[in-house]
Amino acid sequence: MYAIIKTGGKQYRVAEGDRFKVETLAGNEGDDYQFDDVLMVVDGDNTTIGTPLVDGAAVTATIVSHGRHKKVEIIKFRRRKHHQKRTGHRQNYTEIKITSIVSSGATKSASDNTQADTAQDTDPKAASKEDAATTQQSPFLSAPQGEADDLKQLKGVGPALEKKLTVAGIYHFSQIAAFTADDLEIVNVEVKFKEEWVEQAKELAGN
């Protein structure tokens, strides 16, 4: 009986008792580690191929040791340029020993659940969505009152800056003309606001 597992971006053919090195795993020497990314399981004449993973299959291994591979030397040489640079790299690894292969009925390992939760907590896309939601909660207007003014008439305001102003809830020259010192401090959190725009806005608003 053997299985094909995926770990560290690589695939391995494993059988019970096999001992080999994989990319670094979280855990201490002697700990058990469960691989849930099983792509295929072969048990005698029965072959189960995952789509892409085999549902309920798992491979359990024991962490034997952690270490570093032999150094790989890298030489950069440019002829006739008097340039030669020598560097090296030693990749970390974890040596494991396969203890069992389960073709069905395995439960998801706690380590994978923890990694999934951590990935969700640190997902940059999720964080950006939260930031966007926070930005939308503007202390000014949630929508223009009537037709929005062309804020690009302010000196130094282009399409990108106008969009930032509207995201902050600023749509009209009359709003900017009535800005107080406190309002300017609030706007400066989102946009580098110029005080001269207040006077320009008064003129454009006809005040």
N, C-alpha and C. Protein backbone atom coordinates (compact mmCIF):
# COMPACT_ATOMS: atom_id res chain seq x y z
N MET A 1 0.86 -1.20 0.00
CA MET A 1 0.00 0.00 0.00
C MET A 1 0.89 1.24 0.00
N TYR A 2 0.56 2.18 -0.87
CA TYR A 2 1.31 3.43 -0.89
C TYR A 2 0.37 4.58 -1.27
N ALA A 3 0.87 5.80 -1.09
CA ALA A 3 0.07 6.99 -1.38
C ALA A 3 0.96 8.07 -1.98
N ILE A 4 0.30 9.02 -2.64
CA ILE A 4 0.98 10.21 -3.16
C ILE A 4 0.50 11.38 -2.34
N ILE A 5 1.42 12.06 -1.67
CA ILE A 5 1.06 13.20 -0.85
C ILE A 5 1.71 14.46 -1.40
N LYS A 6 1.18 15.60 -0.98
CA LYS A 6 1.75 16.88 -1.38
C LYS A 6 2.10 17.68 -0.13
N THR A 7 3.33 18.15 -0.08
CA THR A 7 3.78 19.00 1.01
C THR A 7 4.94 19.87 0.55
N GLY A 8 4.95 21.10 0.99
CA GLY A 8 6.02 22.01 0.60
C GLY A 8 6.08 22.27 -0.88
N GLY A 9 4.93 22.18 -1.58
CA GLY A 9 4.90 22.41 -3.01
C GLY A 9 5.44 21.27 -3.84
N LYS A 10 5.69 20.11 -3.21
CA LYS A 10 6.22 18.94 -3.93
C LYS A 10 5.35 17.73 -3.65
N GLN A 11 5.47 16.73 -4.51
CA GLN A 11 4.71 15.49 -4.35
C GLN A 11 5.67 14.34 -4.03
N TYR A 12 5.22 13.43 -3.16
CA TYR A 12 6.05 12.32 -2.73
C TYR A 12 5.24 11.02 -2.78
N ARG A 13 5.88 9.96 -3.22
CA ARG A 13 5.30 8.62 -3.15
C ARG A 13 5.76 8.01 -1.85
N VAL A 14 4.82 7.69 -0.95
CA VAL A 14 5.19 7.23 0.39
C VAL A 14 4.53 5.89 0.68
N ALA A 15 5.22 5.10 1.47
CA ALA A 15 4.69 3.84 1.97
C ALA A 15 5.08 3.73 3.43
N GLU A 16 4.38 2.89 4.18
CA GLU A 16 4.64 2.75 5.59
C GLU A 16 6.07 2.29 5.84
N GLY A 17 6.77 3.01 6.71
CA GLY A 17 8.16 2.70 7.01
C GLY A 17 9.16 3.54 6.25
N ASP A 18 8.71 4.25 5.20
CA ASP A 18 9.62 5.10 4.42
C ASP A 18 10.16 6.23 5.30
N ARG A 19 11.39 6.58 5.02
CA ARG A 19 12.05 7.65 5.77
C ARG A 19 12.74 8.57 4.76
N PHE A 20 12.36 9.86 4.76
CA PHE A 20 12.94 10.78 3.79
C PHE A 20 12.80 12.22 4.30
N LYS A 21 13.33 13.17 3.51
CA LYS A 21 13.37 14.58 3.93
C LYS A 21 12.39 15.39 3.09
N VAL A 22 11.67 16.29 3.77
CA VAL A 22 10.72 17.18 3.11
C VAL A 22 11.01 18.61 3.55
N GLU A 23 10.29 19.55 2.95
CA GLU A 23 10.44 20.94 3.38
C GLU A 23 10.03 21.06 4.86
N THR A 24 10.57 22.06 5.54
CA THR A 24 10.42 22.18 6.99
C THR A 24 8.96 22.11 7.43
N LEU A 25 8.70 21.31 8.44
CA LEU A 25 7.37 21.17 9.02
C LEU A 25 7.37 21.74 10.44
N ALA A 26 6.20 22.17 10.88
CA ALA A 26 6.07 22.69 12.24
C ALA A 26 5.93 21.52 13.20
N GLY A 27 6.77 21.49 14.22
CA GLY A 27 6.71 20.41 15.19
C GLY A 27 8.09 20.09 15.72
N ASN A 28 8.13 19.35 16.81
CA ASN A 28 9.38 18.95 17.43
C ASN A 28 9.71 17.51 17.10
N GLU A 29 10.97 17.14 17.32
CA GLU A 29 11.39 15.76 17.08
C GLU A 29 10.58 14.80 17.94
N GLY A 30 10.08 13.76 17.31
CA GLY A 30 9.26 12.79 18.01
C GLY A 30 7.78 13.04 17.89
N ASP A 31 7.38 14.22 17.42
CA ASP A 31 5.96 14.53 17.26
C ASP A 31 5.39 13.80 16.04
N ASP A 32 4.09 13.52 16.11
CA ASP A 32 3.39 12.97 14.95
C ASP A 32 2.88 14.11 14.08
N TYR A 33 2.88 13.86 12.77
CA TYR A 33 2.41 14.88 11.83
C TYR A 33 1.50 14.19 10.82
N GLN A 34 0.33 14.80 10.58
CA GLN A 34 -0.63 14.21 9.65
C GLN A 34 -0.68 15.01 8.36
N PHE A 35 -0.52 14.33 7.24
CA PHE A 35 -0.63 14.93 5.92
C PHE A 35 -2.04 14.67 5.39
N ASP A 36 -2.81 15.73 5.16
CA ASP A 36 -4.17 15.58 4.66
C ASP A 36 -4.25 15.77 3.14
N ASP A 37 -3.20 16.35 2.54
CA ASP A 37 -3.20 16.53 1.08
C ASP A 37 -2.74 15.24 0.41
N VAL A 38 -3.64 14.29 0.31
CA VAL A 38 -3.35 12.99 -0.30
C VAL A 38 -3.96 12.98 -1.70
N LEU A 39 -3.12 12.83 -2.71
CA LEU A 39 -3.58 12.90 -4.10
C LEU A 39 -4.02 11.54 -4.64
N MET A 40 -3.44 10.47 -4.12
CA MET A 40 -3.78 9.13 -4.62
C MET A 40 -3.43 8.09 -3.57
N VAL A 41 -4.23 7.04 -3.49
CA VAL A 41 -3.98 5.92 -2.58
C VAL A 41 -4.09 4.63 -3.38
N VAL A 42 -3.08 3.77 -3.27
CA VAL A 42 -3.08 2.47 -3.94
C VAL A 42 -2.99 1.39 -2.87
N ASP A 43 -4.04 0.57 -2.81
CA ASP A 43 -4.09 -0.52 -1.83
C ASP A 43 -4.33 -1.81 -2.60
N GLY A 44 -3.24 -2.51 -2.93
CA GLY A 44 -3.36 -3.72 -3.73
C GLY A 44 -3.85 -3.40 -5.13
N ASP A 45 -5.01 -3.98 -5.51
CA ASP A 45 -5.58 -3.72 -6.83
C ASP A 45 -6.51 -2.51 -6.83
N ASN A 46 -6.74 -1.93 -5.66
CA ASN A 46 -7.65 -0.78 -5.56
C ASN A 46 -6.86 0.53 -5.62
N THR A 47 -7.20 1.35 -6.57
CA THR A 47 -6.53 2.65 -6.74
C THR A 47 -7.58 3.76 -6.63
N THR A 48 -7.34 4.69 -5.73
CA THR A 48 -8.24 5.82 -5.55
C THR A 48 -7.49 7.10 -5.90
N ILE A 49 -8.02 7.80 -6.90
CA ILE A 49 -7.39 9.05 -7.36
C ILE A 49 -8.25 10.22 -6.90
N GLY A 50 -7.63 11.20 -6.27
CA GLY A 50 -8.37 12.34 -5.75
C GLY A 50 -8.76 13.34 -6.81
N THR A 51 -9.71 14.20 -6.46
CA THR A 51 -10.19 15.23 -7.40
C THR A 51 -10.23 16.61 -6.74
N PRO A 52 -9.13 17.23 -6.39
CA PRO A 52 -7.76 16.74 -6.53
C PRO A 52 -7.30 15.88 -5.35
N LEU A 53 -8.00 15.93 -4.20
CA LEU A 53 -7.57 15.17 -3.03
C LEU A 53 -8.51 13.99 -2.79
N VAL A 54 -7.98 12.96 -2.16
CA VAL A 54 -8.78 11.79 -1.80
C VAL A 54 -9.53 12.11 -0.51
N ASP A 55 -10.85 12.10 -0.60
CA ASP A 55 -11.67 12.47 0.55
C ASP A 55 -11.49 11.47 1.69
N GLY A 56 -11.14 12.00 2.87
CA GLY A 56 -11.01 11.16 4.05
C GLY A 56 -9.69 10.43 4.18
N ALA A 57 -8.78 10.63 3.22
CA ALA A 57 -7.49 9.94 3.28
C ALA A 57 -6.47 10.81 4.04
N ALA A 58 -5.52 10.14 4.68
CA ALA A 58 -4.49 10.86 5.42
C ALA A 58 -3.27 9.97 5.58
N VAL A 59 -2.13 10.59 5.71
CA VAL A 59 -0.87 9.89 5.95
C VAL A 59 -0.25 10.45 7.23
N THR A 60 0.09 9.57 8.13
CA THR A 60 0.68 9.98 9.41
C THR A 60 2.16 9.65 9.42
N ALA A 61 2.95 10.60 9.92
CA ALA A 61 4.40 10.40 9.99
C ALA A 61 4.91 10.89 11.33
N THR A 62 6.11 10.46 11.67
CA THR A 62 6.79 10.92 12.88
C THR A 62 7.96 11.79 12.48
N ILE A 63 8.09 12.95 13.12
CA ILE A 63 9.20 13.84 12.83
C ILE A 63 10.46 13.27 13.46
N VAL A 64 11.44 12.92 12.63
CA VAL A 64 12.68 12.33 13.11
C VAL A 64 13.67 13.40 13.52
N SER A 65 13.85 14.40 12.67
CA SER A 65 14.81 15.45 12.98
C SER A 65 14.60 16.63 12.05
N HIS A 66 15.21 17.75 12.44
CA HIS A 66 15.27 18.95 11.59
C HIS A 66 16.72 19.20 11.26
N GLY A 67 16.97 19.73 10.08
CA GLY A 67 18.35 20.01 9.69
C GLY A 67 18.43 20.91 8.49
N ARG A 68 19.65 20.96 7.92
CA ARG A 68 19.88 21.79 6.73
C ARG A 68 20.66 20.97 5.72
N HIS A 69 20.26 21.11 4.46
CA HIS A 69 20.93 20.39 3.39
C HIS A 69 22.35 20.91 3.17
N LYS A 70 23.11 20.17 2.38
CA LYS A 70 24.45 20.60 2.00
C LYS A 70 24.37 21.91 1.22
N LYS A 71 25.36 22.77 1.44
CA LYS A 71 25.34 24.08 0.82
C LYS A 71 25.41 23.98 -0.71
N VAL A 72 24.55 24.76 -1.35
CA VAL A 72 24.60 24.90 -2.81
C VAL A 72 25.35 26.19 -3.12
N GLU A 73 26.46 26.09 -3.85
CA GLU A 73 27.27 27.27 -4.14
C GLU A 73 26.81 27.90 -5.46
N ILE A 74 26.74 29.22 -5.44
CA ILE A 74 26.31 29.99 -6.60
C ILE A 74 27.43 30.96 -6.95
N ILE A 75 27.88 30.91 -8.20
CA ILE A 75 28.95 31.79 -8.65
C ILE A 75 28.45 32.64 -9.81
N LYS A 76 28.56 33.94 -9.67
CA LYS A 76 28.22 34.86 -10.75
C LYS A 76 29.52 35.44 -11.31
N PHE A 77 29.74 35.22 -12.59
CA PHE A 77 31.00 35.63 -13.21
C PHE A 77 30.71 36.35 -14.52
N ARG A 78 31.35 37.49 -14.69
CA ARG A 78 31.22 38.25 -15.93
C ARG A 78 32.60 38.39 -16.54
N ARG A 79 32.79 37.80 -17.68
CA ARG A 79 34.12 37.84 -18.29
C ARG A 79 34.45 39.26 -18.75
N ARG A 80 35.71 39.54 -18.65
CA ARG A 80 36.29 40.84 -19.05
C ARG A 80 35.72 42.01 -18.24
N LYS A 81 35.04 41.72 -17.14
CA LYS A 81 34.47 42.79 -16.32
C LYS A 81 35.07 42.80 -14.91
N HIS A 82 36.02 41.89 -14.66
CA HIS A 82 36.63 41.78 -13.33
C HIS A 82 35.55 41.63 -12.26
N HIS A 83 34.55 40.83 -12.57
CA HIS A 83 33.44 40.63 -11.64
C HIS A 83 33.25 39.15 -11.37
N GLN A 84 33.34 38.78 -10.11
CA GLN A 84 33.06 37.41 -9.70
C GLN A 84 32.49 37.44 -8.28
N LYS A 85 31.30 36.87 -8.14
CA LYS A 85 30.64 36.88 -6.84
C LYS A 85 30.24 35.45 -6.48
N ARG A 86 30.61 35.03 -5.30
CA ARG A 86 30.32 33.67 -4.85
C ARG A 86 29.41 33.73 -3.62
N THR A 87 28.28 33.08 -3.71
CA THR A 87 27.35 33.00 -2.59
C THR A 87 26.94 31.54 -2.40
N GLY A 88 26.21 31.28 -1.35
CA GLY A 88 25.76 29.92 -1.08
C GLY A 88 24.42 29.91 -0.36
N HIS A 89 23.77 28.75 -0.38
CA HIS A 89 22.47 28.62 0.29
C HIS A 89 22.32 27.21 0.84
N ARG A 90 21.83 27.13 2.07
CA ARG A 90 21.55 25.84 2.69
C ARG A 90 20.06 25.79 3.03
N GLN A 91 19.34 24.91 2.37
CA GLN A 91 17.89 24.80 2.57
C GLN A 91 17.56 23.98 3.81
N ASN A 92 16.62 24.45 4.60
CA ASN A 92 16.18 23.71 5.78
C ASN A 92 15.33 22.51 5.35
N TYR A 93 15.31 21.47 6.18
CA TYR A 93 14.49 20.30 5.89
C TYR A 93 14.02 19.67 7.20
N THR A 94 13.00 18.82 7.06
CA THR A 94 12.53 17.99 8.17
C THR A 94 12.56 16.54 7.72
N GLU A 95 13.23 15.70 8.47
CA GLU A 95 13.26 14.27 8.15
C GLU A 95 12.10 13.58 8.86
N ILE A 96 11.33 12.80 8.10
CA ILE A 96 10.15 12.14 8.67
C ILE A 96 10.18 10.64 8.37
N LYS A 97 9.38 9.90 9.15
CA LYS A 97 9.20 8.47 8.92
C LYS A 97 7.71 8.19 8.86
N ILE A 98 7.26 7.59 7.77
CA ILE A 98 5.84 7.30 7.58
C ILE A 98 5.43 6.16 8.51
N THR A 99 4.35 6.40 9.27
CA THR A 99 3.90 5.39 10.23
C THR A 99 2.60 4.71 9.80
N SER A 100 1.73 5.43 9.08
CA SER A 100 0.47 4.81 8.66
C SER A 100 -0.14 5.56 7.50
N ILE A 101 -0.96 4.84 6.73
CA ILE A 101 -1.71 5.41 5.61
C ILE A 101 -3.17 5.03 5.80
N VAL A 102 -4.04 6.02 5.84
CA VAL A 102 -5.48 5.78 5.98
C VAL A 102 -6.15 6.21 4.69
N SER A 103 -6.86 5.29 4.04
CA SER A 103 -7.47 5.59 2.74
C SER A 103 -8.81 6.30 2.87
N SER A 104 -9.48 6.18 4.02
CA SER A 104 -10.78 6.85 4.21
C SER A 104 -11.08 6.95 5.68
N GLY A 105 -11.92 7.91 6.03
CA GLY A 105 -12.37 8.06 7.41
C GLY A 105 -11.46 8.86 8.30
N ALA A 106 -10.42 9.48 7.75
CA ALA A 106 -9.51 10.28 8.59
C ALA A 106 -10.14 11.63 8.89
N THR A 107 -9.83 12.15 10.08
CA THR A 107 -10.30 13.48 10.45
C THR A 107 -9.21 14.49 10.14
N LYS A 108 -9.63 15.72 9.85
CA LYS A 108 -8.65 16.76 9.51
C LYS A 108 -7.79 17.08 10.71
N SER A 109 -6.49 17.22 10.47
CA SER A 109 -5.56 17.44 11.57
C SER A 109 -5.74 18.83 12.16
N ALA A 110 -5.44 18.94 13.46
CA ALA A 110 -5.58 20.23 14.15
C ALA A 110 -4.59 21.24 13.62
N SER A 111 -3.40 20.77 13.19
CA SER A 111 -2.39 21.70 12.68
C SER A 111 -2.88 22.38 11.42
N ASP A 112 -3.58 21.66 10.55
CA ASP A 112 -4.10 22.27 9.34
C ASP A 112 -5.18 23.27 9.66
N ASN A 113 -6.04 22.95 10.67
CA ASN A 113 -7.06 23.90 11.05
C ASN A 113 -6.44 25.19 11.57
N THR A 114 -5.38 25.05 12.36
CA THR A 114 -4.70 26.22 12.90
C THR A 114 -4.10 27.05 11.79
N GLN A 115 -3.46 26.37 10.80
CA GLN A 115 -2.86 27.10 9.70
C GLN A 115 -3.92 27.81 8.89
N ALA A 116 -5.08 27.15 8.69
CA ALA A 116 -6.15 27.78 7.92
C ALA A 116 -6.69 29.01 8.64
N ASP A 117 -6.85 28.90 9.99
CA ASP A 117 -7.33 30.04 10.75
C ASP A 117 -6.35 31.18 10.69
N THR A 118 -5.04 30.85 10.80
CA THR A 118 -4.01 31.89 10.74
C THR A 118 -4.00 32.57 9.39
N ALA A 119 -4.12 31.76 8.32
CA ALA A 119 -4.14 32.33 6.98
C ALA A 119 -5.32 33.25 6.79
N GLN A 120 -6.49 32.87 7.39
CA GLN A 120 -7.66 33.70 7.26
C GLN A 120 -7.48 35.01 8.02
N ASP A 121 -6.84 34.92 9.21
CA ASP A 121 -6.64 36.12 10.01
C ASP A 121 -5.68 37.09 9.33
N THR A 122 -4.68 36.56 8.60
CA THR A 122 -3.66 37.41 8.00
C THR A 122 -3.85 37.59 6.51
N ASP A 123 -5.03 37.19 5.99
CA ASP A 123 -5.28 37.31 4.56
C ASP A 123 -5.29 38.79 4.17
N PRO A 124 -4.36 39.25 3.29
CA PRO A 124 -4.32 40.67 2.94
C PRO A 124 -5.59 41.14 2.25
N LYS A 125 -6.24 40.24 1.47
CA LYS A 125 -7.47 40.64 0.78
C LYS A 125 -8.57 40.91 1.79
N ALA A 126 -8.67 40.03 2.81
CA ALA A 126 -9.69 40.24 3.84
C ALA A 126 -9.42 41.53 4.61
N ALA A 127 -8.12 41.78 4.89
CA ALA A 127 -7.77 43.00 5.61
C ALA A 127 -8.10 44.24 4.80
N SER A 128 -7.85 44.18 3.47
CA SER A 128 -8.14 45.33 2.62
C SER A 128 -9.63 45.59 2.55
N LYS A 129 -10.45 44.49 2.56
CA LYS A 129 -11.89 44.68 2.56
C LYS A 129 -12.36 45.35 3.84
N GLU A 130 -11.76 44.96 4.98
CA GLU A 130 -12.12 45.59 6.24
C GLU A 130 -11.73 47.06 6.24
N ASP A 131 -10.54 47.35 5.69
CA ASP A 131 -10.10 48.74 5.62
C ASP A 131 -11.03 49.55 4.75
N ALA A 132 -11.47 48.94 3.62
CA ALA A 132 -12.37 49.64 2.72
C ALA A 132 -13.70 49.93 3.41
N ALA A 133 -14.18 48.94 4.19
CA ALA A 133 -15.44 49.13 4.89
C ALA A 133 -15.32 50.25 5.91
N THR A 134 -14.15 50.32 6.57
CA THR A 134 -13.93 51.38 7.54
C THR A 134 -13.89 52.73 6.88
N THR A 135 -13.26 52.78 5.68
CA THR A 135 -13.16 54.03 4.95
C THR A 135 -14.53 54.54 4.54
N GLN A 136 -15.43 53.59 4.19
CA GLN A 136 -16.74 53.99 3.72
C GLN A 136 -17.56 54.66 4.82
N GLN A 137 -17.23 54.41 6.09
CA GLN A 137 -17.95 55.03 7.18
C GLN A 137 -17.44 56.46 7.36
N SER A 138 -17.86 57.34 6.46
CA SER A 138 -17.34 58.70 6.41
C SER A 138 -18.05 59.59 7.42
N PRO A 139 -17.34 60.54 8.04
CA PRO A 139 -17.98 61.48 8.95
C PRO A 139 -18.74 62.56 8.20
N PHE A 140 -18.61 62.60 6.87
CA PHE A 140 -19.27 63.62 6.07
C PHE A 140 -20.52 63.03 5.40
N LEU A 141 -20.61 63.06 4.09
CA LEU A 141 -21.80 62.57 3.40
C LEU A 141 -21.61 61.14 2.94
N SER A 142 -22.65 60.34 2.96
CA SER A 142 -22.60 58.98 2.42
C SER A 142 -22.92 58.98 0.93
N ALA A 143 -23.52 60.07 0.44
CA ALA A 143 -23.86 60.20 -0.97
C ALA A 143 -24.00 61.70 -1.28
N PRO A 144 -23.77 62.11 -2.54
CA PRO A 144 -23.90 63.53 -2.87
C PRO A 144 -25.33 64.01 -2.71
N GLN A 145 -25.49 65.26 -2.30
CA GLN A 145 -26.81 65.88 -2.21
C GLN A 145 -27.10 66.58 -3.52
N GLY A 146 -27.77 65.84 -4.40
CA GLY A 146 -27.96 66.33 -5.75
C GLY A 146 -26.79 65.92 -6.63
N GLU A 147 -26.44 66.75 -7.59
CA GLU A 147 -25.34 66.44 -8.49
C GLU A 147 -24.01 66.85 -7.84
N ALA A 148 -23.05 65.94 -7.86
CA ALA A 148 -21.75 66.22 -7.26
C ALA A 148 -21.01 67.27 -8.09
N ASP A 149 -20.26 68.14 -7.40
CA ASP A 149 -19.46 69.16 -8.07
C ASP A 149 -18.20 68.54 -8.67
N ASP A 150 -17.63 69.22 -9.65
CA ASP A 150 -16.38 68.78 -10.28
C ASP A 150 -15.22 69.27 -9.42
N LEU A 151 -14.79 68.43 -8.48
CA LEU A 151 -13.75 68.84 -7.54
C LEU A 151 -12.40 69.02 -8.22
N LYS A 152 -12.28 68.59 -9.46
CA LYS A 152 -11.01 68.75 -10.18
C LYS A 152 -10.75 70.21 -10.52
N GLN A 153 -11.75 71.06 -10.29
CA GLN A 153 -11.52 72.50 -10.51
C GLN A 153 -10.63 73.11 -9.44
N LEU A 154 -10.49 72.40 -8.32
CA LEU A 154 -9.56 72.86 -7.30
C LEU A 154 -8.13 72.67 -7.79
N LYS A 155 -7.27 73.61 -7.52
CA LYS A 155 -5.90 73.57 -8.01
C LYS A 155 -5.14 72.39 -7.40
N GLY A 156 -4.63 71.49 -8.26
CA GLY A 156 -3.86 70.35 -7.79
C GLY A 156 -4.68 69.10 -7.56
N VAL A 157 -5.98 69.15 -7.82
CA VAL A 157 -6.83 67.98 -7.62
C VAL A 157 -7.07 67.31 -8.98
N GLY A 158 -6.63 66.06 -9.10
CA GLY A 158 -6.85 65.27 -10.30
C GLY A 158 -7.89 64.20 -10.07
N PRO A 159 -8.10 63.32 -11.05
CA PRO A 159 -9.12 62.27 -10.90
C PRO A 159 -8.88 61.36 -9.70
N ALA A 160 -7.61 61.00 -9.45
CA ALA A 160 -7.32 60.11 -8.33
C ALA A 160 -7.63 60.76 -6.99
N LEU A 161 -7.24 62.02 -6.83
CA LEU A 161 -7.48 62.73 -5.58
C LEU A 161 -8.97 63.03 -5.40
N GLU A 162 -9.64 63.31 -6.51
CA GLU A 162 -11.09 63.55 -6.43
C GLU A 162 -11.80 62.29 -5.92
N LYS A 163 -11.34 61.13 -6.38
CA LYS A 163 -11.94 59.88 -5.93
C LYS A 163 -11.73 59.69 -4.44
N LYS A 164 -10.53 60.03 -3.93
CA LYS A 164 -10.27 59.92 -2.50
C LYS A 164 -11.17 60.84 -1.70
N LEU A 165 -11.42 62.03 -2.23
CA LEU A 165 -12.29 62.98 -1.54
C LEU A 165 -13.72 62.46 -1.48
N THR A 166 -14.20 61.89 -2.59
CA THR A 166 -15.57 61.37 -2.59
C THR A 166 -15.70 60.15 -1.69
N VAL A 167 -14.63 59.32 -1.62
CA VAL A 167 -14.65 58.19 -0.70
C VAL A 167 -14.74 58.68 0.74
N ALA A 168 -14.12 59.83 1.02
CA ALA A 168 -14.18 60.42 2.35
C ALA A 168 -15.50 61.13 2.61
N GLY A 169 -16.38 61.20 1.59
CA GLY A 169 -17.70 61.80 1.77
C GLY A 169 -17.77 63.26 1.39
N ILE A 170 -16.81 63.72 0.57
CA ILE A 170 -16.77 65.12 0.16
C ILE A 170 -17.13 65.18 -1.34
N TYR A 171 -18.27 65.86 -1.63
CA TYR A 171 -18.76 65.90 -3.01
C TYR A 171 -18.98 67.32 -3.52
N HIS A 172 -19.09 68.32 -2.62
CA HIS A 172 -19.51 69.65 -3.03
C HIS A 172 -18.53 70.72 -2.55
N PHE A 173 -18.45 71.80 -3.35
CA PHE A 173 -17.62 72.93 -2.96
C PHE A 173 -18.15 73.57 -1.69
N SER A 174 -19.47 73.55 -1.49
CA SER A 174 -20.06 74.15 -0.30
C SER A 174 -19.59 73.45 0.98
N GLN A 175 -19.35 72.11 0.87
CA GLN A 175 -18.82 71.39 2.03
C GLN A 175 -17.45 71.91 2.40
N ILE A 176 -16.58 72.00 1.38
CA ILE A 176 -15.19 72.41 1.64
C ILE A 176 -15.16 73.85 2.12
N ALA A 177 -16.03 74.70 1.57
CA ALA A 177 -16.05 76.11 1.97
C ALA A 177 -16.42 76.27 3.43
N ALA A 178 -17.19 75.33 3.97
CA ALA A 178 -17.63 75.42 5.36
C ALA A 178 -16.74 74.64 6.33
N PHE A 179 -15.59 74.15 5.85
CA PHE A 179 -14.71 73.35 6.70
C PHE A 179 -14.20 74.16 7.89
N THR A 180 -14.19 73.50 9.04
CA THR A 180 -13.57 74.06 10.24
C THR A 180 -12.20 73.41 10.43
N ALA A 181 -11.49 73.86 11.45
CA ALA A 181 -10.18 73.29 11.74
C ALA A 181 -10.30 71.80 12.09
N ASP A 182 -11.37 71.43 12.80
CA ASP A 182 -11.59 70.02 13.14
C ASP A 182 -11.86 69.18 11.89
N ASP A 183 -12.63 69.76 10.95
CA ASP A 183 -12.92 69.05 9.71
C ASP A 183 -11.63 68.78 8.93
N LEU A 184 -10.74 69.77 8.91
CA LEU A 184 -9.48 69.62 8.18
C LEU A 184 -8.64 68.50 8.79
N GLU A 185 -8.66 68.38 10.11
CA GLU A 185 -7.90 67.30 10.76
C GLU A 185 -8.47 65.94 10.37
N ILE A 186 -9.79 65.85 10.28
CA ILE A 186 -10.43 64.58 9.92
C ILE A 186 -10.08 64.20 8.49
N VAL A 187 -10.15 65.18 7.57
CA VAL A 187 -9.87 64.90 6.15
C VAL A 187 -8.43 64.52 5.95
N ASN A 188 -7.53 65.15 6.70
CA ASN A 188 -6.10 64.88 6.53
C ASN A 188 -5.72 63.44 6.88
N VAL A 189 -6.59 62.72 7.57
CA VAL A 189 -6.32 61.32 7.84
C VAL A 189 -6.37 60.51 6.55
N GLU A 190 -7.31 60.86 5.65
CA GLU A 190 -7.48 60.14 4.39
C GLU A 190 -6.75 60.81 3.23
N VAL A 191 -6.72 62.15 3.22
CA VAL A 191 -6.17 62.90 2.09
C VAL A 191 -5.30 64.03 2.63
N LYS A 192 -4.20 64.29 1.94
CA LYS A 192 -3.38 65.44 2.31
C LYS A 192 -4.07 66.69 1.77
N PHE A 193 -4.83 67.32 2.63
CA PHE A 193 -5.71 68.41 2.21
C PHE A 193 -5.00 69.75 2.35
N LYS A 194 -5.16 70.60 1.33
CA LYS A 194 -4.54 71.93 1.33
C LYS A 194 -5.57 72.96 1.81
N GLU A 195 -5.15 73.79 2.76
CA GLU A 195 -6.06 74.79 3.30
C GLU A 195 -6.50 75.79 2.24
N GLU A 196 -5.67 76.00 1.21
CA GLU A 196 -6.03 76.96 0.17
C GLU A 196 -7.25 76.51 -0.62
N TRP A 197 -7.55 75.20 -0.56
CA TRP A 197 -8.73 74.71 -1.27
C TRP A 197 -10.01 75.25 -0.66
N VAL A 198 -9.97 75.61 0.62
CA VAL A 198 -11.16 76.15 1.27
C VAL A 198 -11.53 77.48 0.62
N GLU A 199 -10.54 78.36 0.40
CA GLU A 199 -10.81 79.65 -0.23
C GLU A 199 -11.24 79.46 -1.68
N GLN A 200 -10.58 78.54 -2.38
CA GLN A 200 -10.98 78.26 -3.77
C GLN A 200 -12.40 77.74 -3.82
N ALA A 201 -12.77 76.88 -2.86
CA ALA A 201 -14.11 76.31 -2.84
C ALA A 201 -15.16 77.39 -2.60
N LYS A 202 -14.83 78.35 -1.75
CA LYS A 202 -15.77 79.47 -1.49
C LYS A 202 -16.06 80.22 -2.78
N GLU A 203 -15.02 80.47 -3.57
CA GLU A 203 -15.20 81.19 -4.84
C GLU A 203 -16.01 80.36 -5.82
N LEU A 204 -15.68 79.04 -5.90
CA LEU A 204 -16.38 78.18 -6.84
C LEU A 204 -17.84 77.94 -6.42
N ALA A 205 -18.08 77.96 -5.11
CA ALA A 205 -19.44 77.77 -4.62
C ALA A 205 -20.26 79.06 -4.69
N GLY A 206 -19.59 80.19 -4.98
CA GLY A 206 -20.28 81.47 -5.08
C GLY A 206 -20.55 82.12 -3.74
N ASN A 207 -19.75 81.72 -2.71
CA ASN A 207 -19.96 82.31 -1.38
C ASN A 207 -19.20 83.64 -1.26
